[in-house]
C-alpha atoms as a PDB file:
ATOM      1  CA  UNK A   1      23.032  72.296 -25.671  1.00  0.00           C
ATOM      2  CA  UNK A   2      24.040  72.435 -29.363  1.00  0.00           C
ATOM      3  CA  UNK A   3      25.659  69.149 -30.590  1.00  0.00           C
ATOM      4  CA  UNK A   4      28.851  70.909 -31.416  1.00  0.00           C
ATOM      5  CA  UNK A   5      29.034  72.305 -27.601  1.00  0.00           C
ATOM      6  CA  UNK A   6      28.849  68.713 -26.647  1.00  0.00           C
ATOM      7  CA  UNK A   7      31.221  67.142 -28.621  1.00  0.00           C
ATOM      8  CA  UNK A   8      34.059  69.967 -27.567  1.00  0.00           C
ATOM      9  CA  UNK A   9      32.932  68.964 -24.126  1.00  0.00           C
ATOM     10  CA  UNK A  10      33.413  65.123 -24.633  1.00  0.00           C
ATOM     11  CA  UNK A  11      36.892  66.360 -26.549  1.00  0.00           C
ATOM     12  CA  UNK A  12      37.895  68.147 -23.281  1.00  0.00           C
ATOM     13  CA  UNK A  13      37.013  65.299 -20.973  1.00  0.00           C
ATOM     14  CA  UNK A  14      38.807  62.977 -23.208  1.00  0.00           C
ATOM     15  CA  UNK A  15      41.940  65.184 -23.677  1.00  0.00           C
ATOM     16  CA  UNK A  16      41.770  65.559 -19.669  1.00  0.00           C
ATOM     17  CA  UNK A  17      41.311  61.590 -18.818  1.00  0.00           C
ATOM     18  CA  UNK A  18      44.336  60.771 -21.289  1.00  0.00           C
ATOM     19  CA  UNK A  19      46.798  63.382 -20.107  1.00  0.00           C
ATOM     20  CA  UNK A  20      46.213  62.391 -16.310  1.00  0.00           C
ATOM     21  CA  UNK A  21      49.580  61.321 -14.703  1.00  0.00           C
ATOM     22  CA  UNK A  22      49.971  58.150 -13.163  1.00  0.00           C
ATOM     23  CA  UNK A  23      53.028  56.790 -11.306  1.00  0.00           C
ATOM     24  CA  UNK A  24      54.148  53.211 -11.931  1.00  0.00           C
ATOM     25  CA  UNK A  25      55.715  51.546  -9.480  1.00  0.00           C
ATOM     26  CA  UNK A  26      57.932  47.944 -10.422  1.00  0.00           C
ATOM     27  CA  UNK A  27      58.697  45.466  -7.703  1.00  0.00           C
ATOM     28  CA  UNK A  28      61.104  42.513  -8.815  1.00  0.00           C
ATOM     29  CA  UNK A  29      60.941  39.378  -6.718  1.00  0.00           C
ATOM     30  CA  UNK A  30      62.909  38.059  -3.493  1.00  0.00           C
ATOM     31  CA  UNK A  31      65.329  34.887  -3.561  1.00  0.00           C
ATOM     32  CA  UNK A  32      64.497  32.027  -2.169  1.00  0.00           C
ATOM     33  CA  UNK A  33      66.200  31.092   1.354  1.00  0.00           C
ATOM     34  CA  UNK A  34      67.275  27.493   0.016  1.00  0.00           C
ATOM     35  CA  UNK A  35      69.863  28.900  -2.067  1.00  0.00           C
ATOM     36  CA  UNK A  36      70.781  32.098  -0.201  1.00  0.00           C
ATOM     37  CA  UNK A  37      71.389  29.754   3.057  1.00  0.00           C
ATOM     38  CA  UNK A  38      74.526  28.186   0.826  1.00  0.00           C
ATOM     39  CA  UNK A  39      76.427  31.537   0.801  1.00  0.00           C
ATOM     40  CA  UNK A  40      78.373  33.277   3.307  1.00  0.00           C
ATOM     41  CA  UNK A  41      76.531  35.502   5.493  1.00  0.00           C
ATOM     42  CA  UNK A  42      77.498  38.901   3.851  1.00  0.00           C
ATOM     43  CA  UNK A  43      76.476  37.557   0.802  1.00  0.00           C
ATOM     44  CA  UNK A  44      72.832  36.503   1.719  1.00  0.00           C
ATOM     45  CA  UNK A  45      69.943  38.714   0.257  1.00  0.00           C
ATOM     46  CA  UNK A  46      66.039  38.929   1.177  1.00  0.00           C
ATOM     47  CA  UNK A  47      65.851  37.285   4.653  1.00  0.00           C
ATOM     48  CA  UNK A  48      62.548  39.112   4.817  1.00  0.00           C
ATOM     49  CA  UNK A  49      60.181  38.256   1.840  1.00  0.00           C
ATOM     50  CA  UNK A  50      58.700  41.941   1.427  1.00  0.00           C
ATOM     51  CA  UNK A  51      62.063  44.024   1.252  1.00  0.00           C
ATOM     52  CA  UNK A  52      60.994  45.379  -2.540  1.00  0.00           C
ATOM     53  CA  UNK A  53      56.895  45.254  -1.278  1.00  0.00           C
ATOM     54  CA  UNK A  54      57.207  47.207   1.684  1.00  0.00           C
ATOM     55  CA  UNK A  55      59.515  49.721  -0.245  1.00  0.00           C
ATOM     56  CA  UNK A  56      56.971  50.156  -2.881  1.00  0.00           C
ATOM     57  CA  UNK A  57      54.409  50.837  -0.253  1.00  0.00           C
ATOM     58  CA  UNK A  58      56.601  53.620   1.426  1.00  0.00           C
ATOM     59  CA  UNK A  59      57.121  55.332  -2.011  1.00  0.00           C
ATOM     60  CA  UNK A  60      53.016  55.317  -2.602  1.00  0.00           C
ATOM     61  CA  UNK A  61      52.743  57.232   0.474  1.00  0.00           C
ATOM     62  CA  UNK A  62      55.388  59.379  -0.844  1.00  0.00           C
ATOM     63  CA  UNK A  63      53.728  59.560  -4.191  1.00  0.00           C
ATOM     64  CA  UNK A  64      50.343  60.629  -2.577  1.00  0.00           C
ATOM     65  CA  UNK A  65      51.932  63.301  -0.282  1.00  0.00           C
ATOM     66  CA  UNK A  66      53.614  64.843  -3.130  1.00  0.00           C
ATOM     67  CA  UNK A  67      50.947  64.585  -5.908  1.00  0.00           C
ATOM     68  CA  UNK A  68      47.468  64.322  -3.923  1.00  0.00           C
ATOM     69  CA  UNK A  69      45.625  61.784  -2.163  1.00  0.00           C
ATOM     70  CA  UNK A  70      43.911  60.304  -5.167  1.00  0.00           C
ATOM     71  CA  UNK A  71      47.224  60.518  -7.480  1.00  0.00           C
ATOM     72  CA  UNK A  72      46.786  57.077  -9.558  1.00  0.00           C
ATOM     73  CA  UNK A  73      49.410  54.218  -8.544  1.00  0.00           C
ATOM     74  CA  UNK A  74      50.277  51.277 -11.233  1.00  0.00           C
ATOM     75  CA  UNK A  75      51.857  48.814  -9.264  1.00  0.00           C
ATOM     76  CA  UNK A  76      53.687  46.106 -11.638  1.00  0.00           C
ATOM     77  CA  UNK A  77      54.825  43.172  -9.588  1.00  0.00           C
ATOM     78  CA  UNK A  78      57.050  40.031 -10.728  1.00  0.00           C
ATOM     79  CA  UNK A  79      54.450  36.982  -9.443  1.00  0.00           C
ATOM     80  CA  UNK A  80      56.672  34.115  -9.991  1.00  0.00           C
ATOM     81  CA  UNK A  81      58.889  35.172  -7.352  1.00  0.00           C
ATOM     82  CA  UNK A  82      56.220  35.702  -4.663  1.00  0.00           C
ATOM     83  CA  UNK A  83      54.837  32.651  -5.677  1.00  0.00           C
ATOM     84  CA  UNK A  84      57.869  30.856  -5.344  1.00  0.00           C
ATOM     85  CA  UNK A  85      58.955  32.588  -1.972  1.00  0.00           C
ATOM     86  CA  UNK A  86      55.219  31.873  -0.628  1.00  0.00           C
ATOM     87  CA  UNK A  87      55.555  28.202  -1.403  1.00  0.00           C
ATOM     88  CA  UNK A  88      58.889  27.858   0.382  1.00  0.00           C
ATOM     89  CA  UNK A  89      57.596  30.072   3.660  1.00  0.00           C
ATOM     90  CA  UNK A  90      53.942  28.507   3.484  1.00  0.00           C
ATOM     91  CA  UNK A  91      52.195  32.048   2.995  1.00  0.00           C
ATOM     92  CA  UNK A  92      49.951  33.506   0.760  1.00  0.00           C
ATOM     93  CA  UNK A  93      52.053  36.284  -0.459  1.00  0.00           C
ATOM     94  CA  UNK A  94      50.614  36.669  -3.592  1.00  0.00           C
ATOM     95  CA  UNK A  95      47.083  37.360  -1.674  1.00  0.00           C
ATOM     96  CA  UNK A  96      48.717  39.673   0.821  1.00  0.00           C
ATOM     97  CA  UNK A  97      50.160  41.773  -2.365  1.00  0.00           C
ATOM     98  CA  UNK A  98      46.687  41.867  -3.741  1.00  0.00           C
ATOM     99  CA  UNK A  99      45.316  43.046  -0.442  1.00  0.00           C
ATOM    100  CA  UNK A 100      47.888  45.805  -0.322  1.00  0.00           C
ATOM    101  CA  UNK A 101      46.928  46.930  -3.519  1.00  0.00           C
ATOM    102  CA  UNK A 102      43.352  47.507  -2.581  1.00  0.00           C
ATOM    103  CA  UNK A 103      44.128  49.174   0.704  1.00  0.00           C
ATOM    104  CA  UNK A 104      46.148  51.911  -1.409  1.00  0.00           C
ATOM    105  CA  UNK A 105      43.966  52.087  -4.238  1.00  0.00           C
ATOM    106  CA  UNK A 106      46.676  51.061  -6.211  1.00  0.00           C
ATOM    107  CA  UNK A 107      46.212  49.378  -9.930  1.00  0.00           C
ATOM    108  CA  UNK A 108      48.143  45.770  -9.620  1.00  0.00           C
ATOM    109  CA  UNK A 109      49.421  44.309 -12.569  1.00  0.00           C
ATOM    110  CA  UNK A 110      51.234  41.042 -12.417  1.00  0.00           C
ATOM    111  CA  UNK A 111      54.018  40.325 -14.665  1.00  0.00           C
ATOM    112  CA  UNK A 112      55.807  36.885 -15.236  1.00  0.00           C
ATOM    113  CA  UNK A 113      58.749  37.486 -17.931  1.00  0.00           C
ATOM    114  CA  UNK A 114      60.774  40.016 -19.429  1.00  0.00           C
ATOM    115  CA  UNK A 115      58.905  40.058 -22.469  1.00  0.00           C
ATOM    116  CA  UNK A 116      55.600  40.206 -20.147  1.00  0.00           C
ATOM    117  CA  UNK A 117      56.956  43.389 -18.676  1.00  0.00           C
ATOM    118  CA  UNK A 118      57.800  45.023 -21.785  1.00  0.00           C
ATOM    119  CA  UNK A 119      54.306  44.431 -23.307  1.00  0.00           C
ATOM    120  CA  UNK A 120      52.552  45.824 -19.804  1.00  0.00           C
ATOM    121  CA  UNK A 121      54.526  48.901 -19.418  1.00  0.00           C
ATOM    122  CA  UNK A 122      54.017  49.811 -23.072  1.00  0.00           C
ATOM    123  CA  UNK A 123      50.494  49.411 -22.516  1.00  0.00           C
ATOM    124  CA  UNK A 124      50.421  52.514 -20.584  1.00  0.00           C
ATOM    125  CA  UNK A 125      48.779  55.254 -21.775  1.00  0.00           C
ATOM    126  CA  UNK A 126      50.471  57.947 -24.260  1.00  0.00           C
ATOM    127  CA  UNK A 127      52.383  60.640 -22.216  1.00  0.00           C
ATOM    128  CA  UNK A 128      50.805  59.097 -18.917  1.00  0.00           C
ATOM    129  CA  UNK A 129      54.054  58.313 -16.850  1.00  0.00           C
ATOM    130  CA  UNK A 130      54.721  60.908 -14.414  1.00  0.00           C
ATOM    131  CA  UNK A 131      56.983  58.931 -11.928  1.00  0.00           C
ATOM    132  CA  UNK A 132      58.704  55.264 -12.304  1.00  0.00           C
ATOM    133  CA  UNK A 133      60.076  53.554  -9.499  1.00  0.00           C
ATOM    134  CA  UNK A 134      62.341  50.481  -9.731  1.00  0.00           C
ATOM    135  CA  UNK A 135      62.440  48.142  -6.478  1.00  0.00           C
ATOM    136  CA  UNK A 136      64.409  45.070  -6.766  1.00  0.00           C
ATOM    137  CA  UNK A 137      67.579  43.229  -7.386  1.00  0.00           C
ATOM    138  CA  UNK A 138      69.790  44.641 -10.120  1.00  0.00           C
ATOM    139  CA  UNK A 139      73.326  45.031 -11.426  1.00  0.00           C
ATOM    140  CA  UNK A 140      75.045  47.871 -13.399  1.00  0.00           C
ATOM    141  CA  UNK A 141      73.617  46.505 -16.720  1.00  0.00           C
ATOM    142  CA  UNK A 142      69.989  45.221 -15.782  1.00  0.00           C
ATOM    143  CA  UNK A 143      67.009  45.191 -13.745  1.00  0.00           C
ATOM    144  CA  UNK A 144      66.940  41.586 -12.337  1.00  0.00           C
ATOM    145  CA  UNK A 145      63.265  40.593 -11.792  1.00  0.00           C
ATOM    146  CA  UNK A 146      64.494  37.209 -10.582  1.00  0.00           C
ATOM    147  CA  UNK A 147      67.266  36.595  -8.864  1.00  0.00           C
ATOM    148  CA  UNK A 148      68.158  33.519  -6.738  1.00  0.00           C
ATOM    149  CA  UNK A 149      64.723  32.070  -7.325  1.00  0.00           C
ATOM    150  CA  UNK A 150      64.977  29.201 -10.151  1.00  0.00           C
ATOM    151  CA  UNK A 151      69.125  29.272  -9.713  1.00  0.00           C
ATOM    152  CA  UNK A 152      71.311  30.226  -6.992  1.00  0.00           C
ATOM    153  CA  UNK A 153      72.622  33.597  -7.518  1.00  0.00           C
ATOM    154  CA  UNK A 154      71.288  33.768 -10.995  1.00  0.00           C
ATOM    155  CA  UNK A 155      68.514  35.762 -12.995  1.00  0.00           C
ATOM    156  CA  UNK A 156      66.065  34.065 -15.552  1.00  0.00           C
ATOM    157  CA  UNK A 157      64.182  37.341 -15.883  1.00  0.00           C
ATOM    158  CA  UNK A 158      65.384  40.756 -16.350  1.00  0.00           C
ATOM    159  CA  UNK A 159      65.605  44.021 -18.520  1.00  0.00           C
ATOM    160  CA  UNK A 160      68.904  44.403 -19.677  1.00  0.00           C
ATOM    161  CA  UNK A 161      69.994  47.761 -20.784  1.00  0.00           C
ATOM    162  CA  UNK A 162      70.080  46.457 -24.320  1.00  0.00           C
ATOM    163  CA  UNK A 163      66.163  46.026 -24.142  1.00  0.00           C
ATOM    164  CA  UNK A 164      65.425  49.619 -23.006  1.00  0.00           C
ATOM    165  CA  UNK A 165      64.800  50.760 -26.949  1.00  0.00           C
ATOM    166  CA  UNK A 166      61.777  47.902 -26.539  1.00  0.00           C
ATOM    167  CA  UNK A 167      60.148  50.477 -24.165  1.00  0.00           C
ATOM    168  CA  UNK A 168      58.152  52.976 -25.554  1.00  0.00           C
ATOM    169  CA  UNK A 169      59.226  56.567 -24.752  1.00  0.00           C
ATOM    170  CA  UNK A 170      55.863  58.210 -25.728  1.00  0.00           C
ATOM    171  CA  UNK A 171      54.505  56.611 -22.482  1.00  0.00           C
ATOM    172  CA  UNK A 172      56.212  58.922 -20.311  1.00  0.00           C
ATOM    173  CA  UNK A 173      55.920  62.648 -19.677  1.00  0.00           C
ATOM    174  CA  UNK A 174      58.298  64.908 -21.116  1.00  0.00           C
ATOM    175  CA  UNK A 175      59.556  65.764 -17.366  1.00  0.00           C
ATOM    176  CA  UNK A 176      58.727  62.206 -15.801  1.00  0.00           C
ATOM    177  CA  UNK A 177      60.972  61.426 -12.846  1.00  0.00           C
ATOM    178  CA  UNK A 178      62.471  57.850 -13.229  1.00  0.00           C
ATOM    179  CA  UNK A 179      64.626  56.159 -10.326  1.00  0.00           C
ATOM    180  CA  UNK A 180      66.080  52.636  -9.929  1.00  0.00           C
ATOM    181  CA  UNK A 181      66.549  51.572  -6.430  1.00  0.00           C
ATOM    182  CA  UNK A 182      68.461  48.432  -7.198  1.00  0.00           C
ATOM    183  CA  UNK A 183      72.196  48.147  -6.806  1.00  0.00           C
ATOM    184  CA  UNK A 184      74.628  49.747  -9.536  1.00  0.00           C
ATOM    185  CA  UNK A 185      72.432  50.935 -12.048  1.00  0.00           C
ATOM    186  CA  UNK A 186      74.059  54.276 -12.143  1.00  0.00           C
ATOM    187  CA  UNK A 187      77.437  52.936 -13.278  1.00  0.00           C
ATOM    188  CA  UNK A 188      75.844  52.004 -16.495  1.00  0.00           C
ATOM    189  CA  UNK A 189      72.049  51.667 -17.197  1.00  0.00           C
ATOM    190  CA  UNK A 190      71.099  55.075 -16.250  1.00  0.00           C
ATOM    191  CA  UNK A 191      73.164  56.309 -19.409  1.00  0.00           C
ATOM    192  CA  UNK A 192      71.437  53.798 -21.615  1.00  0.00           C
ATOM    193  CA  UNK A 193      68.146  54.916 -20.263  1.00  0.00           C
ATOM    194  CA  UNK A 194      68.736  58.734 -20.984  1.00  0.00           C
ATOM    195  CA  UNK A 195      70.104  57.716 -24.146  1.00  0.00           C
ATOM    196  CA  UNK A 196      67.048  55.688 -25.412  1.00  0.00           C
ATOM    197  CA  UNK A 197      64.297  57.127 -23.637  1.00  0.00           C
ATOM    198  CA  UNK A 198      65.700  60.807 -23.421  1.00  0.00           C
ATOM    199  CA  UNK A 199      64.871  61.091 -19.447  1.00  0.00           C
ATOM    200  CA  UNK A 200      67.107  60.647 -16.805  1.00  0.00           C
ATOM    201  CA  UNK A 201      67.259  57.414 -14.555  1.00  0.00           C
ATOM    202  CA  UNK A 202      68.602  58.133 -10.827  1.00  0.00           C
ATOM    203  CA  UNK A 203      70.271  54.891 -10.162  1.00  0.00           C
ATOM    204  CA  UNK A 204      72.834  53.763  -7.308  1.00  0.00           C
ATOM    205  CA  UNK A 205      76.424  54.315  -7.807  1.00  0.00           C
ATOM    206  CA  UNK A 206      77.048  51.691  -5.282  1.00  0.00           C
ATOM    207  CA  UNK A 207      74.961  48.739  -3.010  1.00  0.00           C
ATOM    208  CA  UNK A 208      71.299  49.929  -1.839  1.00  0.00           C
ATOM    209  CA  UNK A 209      70.643  48.621   1.548  1.00  0.00           C
ATOM    210  CA  UNK A 210      67.018  47.660   2.205  1.00  0.00           C
ATOM    211  CA  UNK A 211      67.377  46.502   5.945  1.00  0.00           C
ATOM    212  CA  UNK A 212      65.393  49.668   7.244  1.00  0.00           C
ATOM    213  CA  UNK A 213      62.223  49.733   5.391  1.00  0.00           C
ATOM    214  CA  UNK A 214      60.313  47.381   7.429  1.00  0.00           C
ATOM    215  CA  UNK A 215      60.850  50.389   9.833  1.00  0.00           C
ATOM    216  CA  UNK A 216      59.264  52.698   7.693  1.00  0.00           C
ATOM    217  CA  UNK A 217      62.612  54.028   5.934  1.00  0.00           C
ATOM    218  CA  UNK A 218      63.281  54.059   2.045  1.00  0.00           C
ATOM    219  CA  UNK A 219      66.218  52.098   0.895  1.00  0.00           C
ATOM    220  CA  UNK A 220      69.844  53.742   1.585  1.00  0.00           C
ATOM    221  CA  UNK A 221      72.419  54.179  -1.360  1.00  0.00           C
ATOM    222  CA  UNK A 222      75.486  54.069   0.218  1.00  0.00           C
ATOM    223  CA  UNK A 223      77.622  54.932  -2.702  1.00  0.00           C
ATOM    224  CA  UNK A 224      75.374  58.065  -3.693  1.00  0.00           C
ATOM    225  CA  UNK A 225      73.049  58.465  -6.811  1.00  0.00           C
ATOM    226  CA  UNK A 226      73.655  59.731  -9.901  1.00  0.00           C
ATOM    227  CA  UNK A 227      71.530  60.386 -13.143  1.00  0.00           C
END
């Protein structure tokens, strides 16, 4: 086989590998019960530690149905939240999460802070991210990776809409689908996402509810969704 033809085949292979779509799913951490139990019942969060984990795996199943059984899954999970809740509950939650990733052939990437998240999401190959989903606490201005973990009803790790310009728009495909399954992001953060990244971010107009994820249903946005 001529050397030039081999070079062409290698180039085609590398181009194909670089352009392969991947599907990014981000899971924030749960609140600790020691803080949530001080709150009135209607304001309490995360009775079940795995709301965002189970929602992530439900989304993985949807992705594989839509894009094929071998669609590459990249799962970014906020490790400190699950370590702390695991200590509180006496359960090996980080081990269980890793087992879920292995079971679903998903690439598990732990992150530990706002800066760590930005670095790791920006390390995805250029033009690779076909879908992006966020499961976790949020408000209209930010993804709250941590909420009620170190301090009651307070976040110590987040992606604020002011941080969105730090994300590389080049990692996304031109027609990438992005969605936040957290509360209220449709009110402001969706606009900032589109302004800085050039992509719609579907977000909830009000609260999202995770009470049915344990029964195999995706979170519900009772205020509707907007881009």
